[in-house]
Amino acid sequence: MRCREKIGDVYGFNAVSVRVEQSWFKRFQARNDVENESGSGRPVTDKIDAIFEKVEKDRHISSYDIAEDLGIDCKRVLTRLNKAGYTKRLDTWIPHKLTKRNFVERVLCNSLLKPNCF
């Protein structure tokens, strides 16, 4: 009961229910610590790096193909690419924010593609 009083003093008595407190206490008592356990398998960063490697090799690759090759969910691939600033335009992955050089190159290419009108 002392734990409930201490939690109540800090967070208020209605912060969590008695059942939640009991389950927390039971879990902490069983493990004897509150640290996260290390996960099994490969680190997530390997998959993230592999996503960007695939995009750099082939700008036209689909998120579905990347997900299938790496064995992860397609939504996760899209989320990672969007967080990194990539968007899919005209079937090509491009950085969402263009650098000054990218912008100048696009303007130059655009002007060369248009016929000269006088």
Protein backbone atom coordinates (compact mmCIF):
# COMPACT_ATOMS: atom_id res chain seq x y z
CA MET A 1 0.00 0.00 0.00
CA ARG A 2 2.99 2.30 0.45
CA CYS A 3 3.63 2.22 -3.32
CA ARG A 4 0.09 3.45 -4.01
CA GLU A 5 0.55 6.33 -1.59
CA LYS A 6 3.89 7.32 -3.15
CA ILE A 7 2.45 7.22 -6.68
CA GLY A 8 -0.58 9.16 -5.46
CA ASP A 9 1.62 11.84 -3.88
CA VAL A 10 3.54 12.39 -7.11
CA TYR A 11 0.93 11.88 -9.84
CA GLY A 12 -2.36 12.13 -7.99
CA PHE A 13 -4.53 9.29 -6.76
CA ASN A 14 -6.56 9.04 -9.96
CA ALA A 15 -3.53 8.92 -12.29
CA VAL A 16 -3.67 5.14 -12.68
CA SER A 17 -6.07 2.51 -11.47
CA VAL A 18 -5.33 0.06 -8.68
CA ARG A 19 -5.25 -2.81 -11.19
CA VAL A 20 -2.60 -1.08 -13.30
CA GLU A 21 -0.50 -0.42 -10.23
CA GLN A 22 -0.80 -4.06 -9.19
CA SER A 23 0.25 -5.32 -12.62
CA TRP A 24 3.23 -2.93 -12.70
CA PHE A 25 4.30 -4.00 -9.22
CA LYS A 26 4.02 -7.67 -10.18
CA ARG A 27 6.11 -7.18 -13.34
CA PHE A 28 8.81 -5.13 -11.61
CA GLN A 29 9.00 -7.60 -8.76
CA ALA A 30 9.39 -10.52 -11.17
CA ARG A 31 12.17 -8.87 -13.19
CA ASN A 32 13.70 -6.89 -10.36
CA ASP A 33 14.42 -3.93 -12.68
CA VAL A 34 12.70 -1.38 -14.88
CA GLU A 35 15.17 -1.38 -17.80
CA ASN A 36 14.15 -2.41 -21.30
CA GLU A 37 15.24 -5.86 -22.30
CA SER A 38 17.47 -6.13 -25.31
CA GLY A 39 15.64 -7.15 -28.47
CA SER A 40 16.48 -10.17 -30.52
CA GLY A 41 17.40 -10.18 -34.18
CA ARG A 42 19.07 -7.59 -36.35
CA PRO A 43 19.18 -3.94 -35.38
CA VAL A 44 16.61 -1.80 -37.13
CA THR A 45 19.32 0.46 -38.56
CA ASP A 46 20.45 -2.31 -40.92
CA LYS A 47 17.05 -2.30 -42.59
CA ILE A 48 16.92 1.50 -42.75
CA ASP A 49 20.34 1.68 -44.39
CA ALA A 50 19.31 -1.04 -46.84
CA ILE A 51 16.20 0.95 -47.81
CA PHE A 52 18.29 4.00 -48.72
CA GLU A 53 20.88 1.89 -50.56
CA LYS A 54 18.14 0.43 -52.75
CA VAL A 55 16.72 3.87 -53.50
CA GLU A 56 20.17 5.24 -54.36
CA LYS A 57 20.82 2.32 -56.73
CA ASP A 58 17.44 2.55 -58.44
CA ARG A 59 15.34 5.71 -58.08
CA HIS A 60 12.44 4.01 -59.88
CA ILE A 61 12.10 1.09 -57.43
CA SER A 62 8.72 0.77 -55.74
CA SER A 63 8.24 0.70 -51.99
CA TYR A 64 6.53 -2.66 -52.40
CA ASP A 65 9.65 -4.13 -54.06
CA ILE A 66 11.88 -2.74 -51.32
CA ALA A 67 9.62 -4.18 -48.62
CA GLU A 68 9.50 -7.56 -50.33
CA ASP A 69 13.30 -7.71 -50.75
CA LEU A 70 13.97 -6.77 -47.12
CA GLY A 71 11.12 -8.76 -45.60
CA ILE A 72 9.48 -5.79 -43.88
CA ASP A 73 6.13 -4.05 -44.12
CA CYS A 74 5.56 -1.67 -47.05
CA LYS A 75 4.15 0.98 -44.69
CA ARG A 76 7.42 0.96 -42.73
CA VAL A 77 9.39 1.56 -45.95
CA LEU A 78 7.16 4.50 -46.89
CA THR A 79 7.41 5.96 -43.39
CA ARG A 80 11.22 5.78 -43.39
CA LEU A 81 11.48 7.34 -46.85
CA ASN A 82 9.07 10.13 -45.94
CA LYS A 83 10.93 10.86 -42.69
CA ALA A 84 14.15 11.14 -44.70
CA GLY A 85 12.47 13.65 -47.00
CA TYR A 86 11.89 11.47 -50.05
CA THR A 87 8.73 11.63 -52.12
CA LYS A 88 7.73 9.71 -55.22
CA ARG A 89 7.22 11.98 -58.23
CA LEU A 90 6.62 10.62 -61.72
CA ASP A 91 7.70 7.15 -60.59
CA THR A 92 11.04 8.42 -59.24
CA TRP A 93 12.15 8.85 -55.62
CA ILE A 94 13.50 12.37 -55.16
CA PRO A 95 14.48 14.41 -52.11
CA HIS A 96 11.49 16.49 -51.06
CA LYS A 97 13.51 19.64 -50.44
CA LEU A 98 15.79 20.55 -53.28
CA THR A 99 19.23 21.94 -52.66
CA LYS A 100 20.22 25.15 -54.41
CA ARG A 101 22.19 23.14 -56.96
CA ASN A 102 19.26 20.76 -57.61
CA PHE A 103 16.99 23.72 -58.16
CA VAL A 104 19.37 25.39 -60.63
CA GLU A 105 19.84 22.11 -62.51
CA ARG A 106 16.08 21.61 -62.81
CA VAL A 107 15.52 25.15 -64.06
CA LEU A 108 18.33 24.73 -66.59
CA CYS A 109 17.00 21.37 -67.83
CA ASN A 110 13.49 22.75 -68.02
CA SER A 111 14.63 25.71 -70.12
CA LEU A 112 16.60 23.41 -72.46
CA LEU A 113 13.61 21.14 -72.97
CA LYS A 114 11.28 23.97 -73.93
CA PRO A 115 11.44 25.22 -77.52
CA ASN A 116 12.85 28.70 -77.94
CA CYS A 117 9.94 31.06 -78.45
CA PHE A 118 10.59 34.61 -79.55
